[in-house]
Amino acid sequence: MANIKSQIKRNRQNEKRNLANRKVRSEIHTRTKSAVAALDEGDDNAEEAVKEAIKRLDKAAQKGVLHKKKAARKKSQLAKRLAQQG
């Protein structure tokens, strides 16, 4: 455990941010998974699911939760799947 006040505060901040970032990453995984499932099943709302996943990826990259190139790669993969399907 840290003895320095500023480090104690920094640890508290890191815990909060870690929790918030984990929620965002979890939502990205969920949205991506549901978009892929919709594409595989050939649902009518597959395009909407892909749009929503891309929106979340963009926002996460903008906030620094995800690296911008990783977000771009994931978006590209989803768009490629969408193009192949329909």
N, C-alpha and C. Protein backbone atom coordinates (compact mmCIF):
# COMPACT_ATOMS: atom_id res chain seq x y z
N MET A 1 0.84 -1.18 0.00
CA MET A 1 0.00 0.00 0.00
C MET A 1 0.88 1.24 0.00
N ALA A 2 0.47 2.23 -0.72
CA ALA A 2 1.25 3.46 -0.84
C ALA A 2 1.15 4.28 0.44
N ASN A 3 2.23 4.96 0.76
CA ASN A 3 2.25 5.84 1.93
C ASN A 3 2.04 7.29 1.54
N ILE A 4 2.25 7.61 0.30
CA ILE A 4 2.18 8.99 -0.16
C ILE A 4 0.73 9.33 -0.52
N LYS A 5 0.28 10.49 -0.06
CA LYS A 5 -1.12 10.89 -0.24
C LYS A 5 -1.52 10.94 -1.71
N SER A 6 -0.66 11.52 -2.51
CA SER A 6 -0.98 11.65 -3.93
C SER A 6 -1.09 10.29 -4.61
N GLN A 7 -0.28 9.34 -4.17
CA GLN A 7 -0.34 8.00 -4.75
C GLN A 7 -1.59 7.26 -4.31
N ILE A 8 -2.02 7.50 -3.07
CA ILE A 8 -3.26 6.90 -2.58
C ILE A 8 -4.44 7.40 -3.41
N LYS A 9 -4.45 8.71 -3.66
CA LYS A 9 -5.50 9.30 -4.49
C LYS A 9 -5.44 8.76 -5.90
N ARG A 10 -4.24 8.67 -6.44
CA ARG A 10 -4.04 8.15 -7.80
C ARG A 10 -4.58 6.71 -7.90
N ASN A 11 -4.36 5.90 -6.88
CA ASN A 11 -4.87 4.52 -6.87
C ASN A 11 -6.40 4.50 -6.89
N ARG A 12 -7.02 5.40 -6.11
CA ARG A 12 -8.48 5.49 -6.11
C ARG A 12 -9.00 5.88 -7.49
N GLN A 13 -8.35 6.85 -8.12
CA GLN A 13 -8.75 7.30 -9.46
C GLN A 13 -8.61 6.16 -10.47
N ASN A 14 -7.49 5.44 -10.38
CA ASN A 14 -7.25 4.33 -11.31
C ASN A 14 -8.31 3.25 -11.17
N GLU A 15 -8.72 2.96 -9.95
CA GLU A 15 -9.76 1.95 -9.74
C GLU A 15 -11.08 2.37 -10.40
N LYS A 16 -11.46 3.63 -10.22
CA LYS A 16 -12.70 4.16 -10.82
C LYS A 16 -12.63 4.08 -12.34
N ARG A 17 -11.52 4.53 -12.89
CA ARG A 17 -11.37 4.56 -14.34
C ARG A 17 -11.35 3.15 -14.91
N ASN A 18 -10.68 2.24 -14.19
CA ASN A 18 -10.61 0.85 -14.64
C ASN A 18 -12.01 0.25 -14.71
N LEU A 19 -12.83 0.54 -13.72
CA LEU A 19 -14.19 0.02 -13.69
C LEU A 19 -15.01 0.59 -14.85
N ALA A 20 -14.89 1.90 -15.07
CA ALA A 20 -15.63 2.54 -16.15
C ALA A 20 -15.19 1.99 -17.51
N ASN A 21 -13.88 1.85 -17.70
CA ASN A 21 -13.36 1.34 -18.96
C ASN A 21 -13.78 -0.11 -19.19
N ARG A 22 -13.83 -0.89 -18.12
CA ARG A 22 -14.23 -2.28 -18.23
C ARG A 22 -15.68 -2.39 -18.70
N LYS A 23 -16.53 -1.50 -18.21
CA LYS A 23 -17.93 -1.48 -18.64
C LYS A 23 -18.04 -1.17 -20.13
N VAL A 24 -17.24 -0.21 -20.57
CA VAL A 24 -17.28 0.17 -21.99
C VAL A 24 -16.80 -0.99 -22.85
N ARG A 25 -15.69 -1.62 -22.46
CA ARG A 25 -15.16 -2.76 -23.23
C ARG A 25 -16.16 -3.92 -23.25
N SER A 26 -16.82 -4.14 -22.13
CA SER A 26 -17.82 -5.20 -22.06
C SER A 26 -18.97 -4.92 -23.03
N GLU A 27 -19.41 -3.66 -23.07
CA GLU A 27 -20.50 -3.31 -23.97
C GLU A 27 -20.07 -3.49 -25.43
N ILE A 28 -18.83 -3.14 -25.73
CA ILE A 28 -18.31 -3.31 -27.09
C ILE A 28 -18.34 -4.79 -27.48
N HIS A 29 -17.89 -5.64 -26.56
CA HIS A 29 -17.90 -7.09 -26.84
C HIS A 29 -19.33 -7.57 -27.09
N THR A 30 -20.26 -7.12 -26.26
CA THR A 30 -21.65 -7.53 -26.38
C THR A 30 -22.24 -7.08 -27.71
N ARG A 31 -22.03 -5.80 -28.04
CA ARG A 31 -22.59 -5.26 -29.29
C ARG A 31 -21.99 -5.95 -30.51
N THR A 32 -20.69 -6.19 -30.47
CA THR A 32 -20.01 -6.85 -31.59
C THR A 32 -20.53 -8.27 -31.75
N LYS A 33 -20.66 -8.96 -30.62
CA LYS A 33 -21.13 -10.34 -30.64
C LYS A 33 -22.55 -10.43 -31.19
N SER A 34 -23.42 -9.51 -30.77
CA SER A 34 -24.80 -9.54 -31.25
C SER A 34 -24.88 -9.17 -32.73
N ALA A 35 -23.98 -8.28 -33.18
CA ALA A 35 -23.95 -7.90 -34.60
C ALA A 35 -23.51 -9.10 -35.44
N VAL A 36 -22.49 -9.80 -34.99
CA VAL A 36 -22.00 -10.97 -35.72
C VAL A 36 -23.07 -12.06 -35.75
N ALA A 37 -23.75 -12.25 -34.62
CA ALA A 37 -24.81 -13.26 -34.57
C ALA A 37 -25.95 -12.89 -35.52
N ALA A 38 -26.30 -11.62 -35.55
CA ALA A 38 -27.37 -11.17 -36.46
C ALA A 38 -26.96 -11.37 -37.92
N LEU A 39 -25.70 -11.11 -38.22
CA LEU A 39 -25.21 -11.31 -39.58
C LEU A 39 -25.23 -12.78 -39.97
N ASP A 40 -24.82 -13.63 -39.03
CA ASP A 40 -24.79 -15.08 -39.31
C ASP A 40 -26.19 -15.64 -39.53
N GLU A 41 -27.16 -15.13 -38.76
CA GLU A 41 -28.53 -15.61 -38.89
C GLU A 41 -29.25 -14.98 -40.07
N GLY A 42 -28.71 -13.89 -40.58
CA GLY A 42 -29.36 -13.20 -41.69
C GLY A 42 -30.55 -12.37 -41.26
N ASP A 43 -30.49 -11.83 -40.06
CA ASP A 43 -31.59 -11.00 -39.54
C ASP A 43 -31.77 -9.74 -40.38
N ASP A 44 -32.98 -9.21 -40.32
CA ASP A 44 -33.27 -7.96 -41.02
C ASP A 44 -32.61 -6.77 -40.32
N ASN A 45 -32.46 -6.88 -39.01
CA ASN A 45 -31.88 -5.78 -38.24
C ASN A 45 -30.36 -5.92 -38.07
N ALA A 46 -29.73 -6.72 -38.90
CA ALA A 46 -28.28 -6.92 -38.80
C ALA A 46 -27.52 -5.63 -39.07
N GLU A 47 -28.00 -4.87 -40.05
CA GLU A 47 -27.32 -3.62 -40.38
C GLU A 47 -27.39 -2.63 -39.21
N GLU A 48 -28.52 -2.60 -38.53
CA GLU A 48 -28.67 -1.73 -37.36
C GLU A 48 -27.71 -2.16 -36.25
N ALA A 49 -27.58 -3.47 -36.05
CA ALA A 49 -26.69 -3.98 -35.01
C ALA A 49 -25.23 -3.61 -35.31
N VAL A 50 -24.86 -3.71 -36.58
CA VAL A 50 -23.50 -3.35 -37.00
C VAL A 50 -23.27 -1.85 -36.79
N LYS A 51 -24.26 -1.04 -37.16
CA LYS A 51 -24.13 0.42 -36.97
C LYS A 51 -23.93 0.76 -35.50
N GLU A 52 -24.69 0.11 -34.64
CA GLU A 52 -24.58 0.37 -33.21
C GLU A 52 -23.21 -0.05 -32.67
N ALA A 53 -22.72 -1.20 -33.12
CA ALA A 53 -21.40 -1.66 -32.69
C ALA A 53 -20.31 -0.69 -33.15
N ILE A 54 -20.42 -0.22 -34.38
CA ILE A 54 -19.44 0.73 -34.91
C ILE A 54 -19.48 2.04 -34.13
N LYS A 55 -20.68 2.46 -33.78
CA LYS A 55 -20.83 3.69 -33.01
C LYS A 55 -20.12 3.57 -31.65
N ARG A 56 -20.30 2.43 -31.01
CA ARG A 56 -19.67 2.22 -29.70
C ARG A 56 -18.15 2.13 -29.83
N LEU A 57 -17.67 1.49 -30.90
CA LEU A 57 -16.23 1.40 -31.14
C LEU A 57 -15.62 2.78 -31.34
N ASP A 58 -16.30 3.62 -32.13
CA ASP A 58 -15.83 4.98 -32.37
C ASP A 58 -15.73 5.77 -31.07
N LYS A 59 -16.76 5.64 -30.27
CA LYS A 59 -16.80 6.40 -29.02
C LYS A 59 -15.70 5.93 -28.06
N ALA A 60 -15.48 4.63 -28.00
CA ALA A 60 -14.43 4.09 -27.12
C ALA A 60 -13.05 4.55 -27.58
N ALA A 61 -12.84 4.58 -28.89
CA ALA A 61 -11.55 5.04 -29.42
C ALA A 61 -11.36 6.52 -29.13
N GLN A 62 -12.43 7.28 -29.25
CA GLN A 62 -12.38 8.71 -29.00
C GLN A 62 -12.03 9.00 -27.54
N LYS A 63 -12.58 8.21 -26.63
CA LYS A 63 -12.34 8.41 -25.20
C LYS A 63 -11.02 7.81 -24.73
N GLY A 64 -10.38 7.02 -25.59
CA GLY A 64 -9.09 6.43 -25.22
C GLY A 64 -9.21 5.09 -24.52
N VAL A 65 -10.41 4.52 -24.51
CA VAL A 65 -10.59 3.21 -23.89
C VAL A 65 -9.97 2.14 -24.78
N LEU A 66 -10.08 2.34 -26.07
CA LEU A 66 -9.57 1.41 -27.08
C LEU A 66 -8.60 2.17 -27.98
N HIS A 67 -7.57 1.51 -28.44
CA HIS A 67 -6.65 2.15 -29.38
C HIS A 67 -7.38 2.41 -30.69
N LYS A 68 -7.09 3.54 -31.31
CA LYS A 68 -7.85 3.93 -32.50
C LYS A 68 -7.66 2.95 -33.65
N LYS A 69 -6.49 2.34 -33.75
CA LYS A 69 -6.28 1.38 -34.84
C LYS A 69 -6.98 0.06 -34.57
N LYS A 70 -7.10 -0.31 -33.30
CA LYS A 70 -7.85 -1.53 -32.96
C LYS A 70 -9.33 -1.32 -33.28
N ALA A 71 -9.83 -0.13 -32.95
CA ALA A 71 -11.22 0.19 -33.26
C ALA A 71 -11.45 0.16 -34.77
N ALA A 72 -10.51 0.72 -35.51
CA ALA A 72 -10.63 0.74 -36.98
C ALA A 72 -10.62 -0.68 -37.54
N ARG A 73 -9.78 -1.54 -36.97
CA ARG A 73 -9.71 -2.93 -37.42
C ARG A 73 -11.02 -3.66 -37.16
N LYS A 74 -11.57 -3.47 -35.97
CA LYS A 74 -12.84 -4.12 -35.62
C LYS A 74 -13.98 -3.62 -36.52
N LYS A 75 -14.00 -2.32 -36.78
CA LYS A 75 -15.02 -1.74 -37.65
C LYS A 75 -14.90 -2.32 -39.06
N SER A 76 -13.68 -2.45 -39.52
CA SER A 76 -13.43 -2.98 -40.85
C SER A 76 -13.91 -4.43 -40.95
N GLN A 77 -13.65 -5.21 -39.92
CA GLN A 77 -14.07 -6.60 -39.91
C GLN A 77 -15.61 -6.70 -39.96
N LEU A 78 -16.27 -5.85 -39.19
CA LEU A 78 -17.74 -5.86 -39.19
C LEU A 78 -18.29 -5.43 -40.55
N ALA A 79 -17.71 -4.39 -41.12
CA ALA A 79 -18.17 -3.90 -42.42
C ALA A 79 -17.96 -4.95 -43.50
N LYS A 80 -16.86 -5.65 -43.42
CA LYS A 80 -16.54 -6.71 -44.40
C LYS A 80 -17.59 -7.82 -44.32
N ARG A 81 -17.93 -8.22 -43.09
CA ARG A 81 -18.96 -9.26 -42.89
C ARG A 81 -20.31 -8.81 -43.43
N LEU A 82 -20.63 -7.55 -43.17
CA LEU A 82 -21.90 -7.00 -43.64
C LEU A 82 -21.96 -6.98 -45.16
N ALA A 83 -20.86 -6.61 -45.80
CA ALA A 83 -20.80 -6.56 -47.26
C ALA A 83 -20.91 -7.96 -47.86
N GLN A 84 -20.30 -8.94 -47.22
CA GLN A 84 -20.35 -10.32 -47.71
C GLN A 84 -21.77 -10.88 -47.63
N GLN A 85 -22.48 -10.46 -46.58
CA GLN A 85 -23.82 -11.00 -46.37
C GLN A 85 -24.82 -10.45 -47.39
N GLY A 86 -24.74 -9.14 -47.62
CA GLY A 86 -25.85 -8.65 -48.37
C GLY A 86 -25.55 -7.79 -49.52
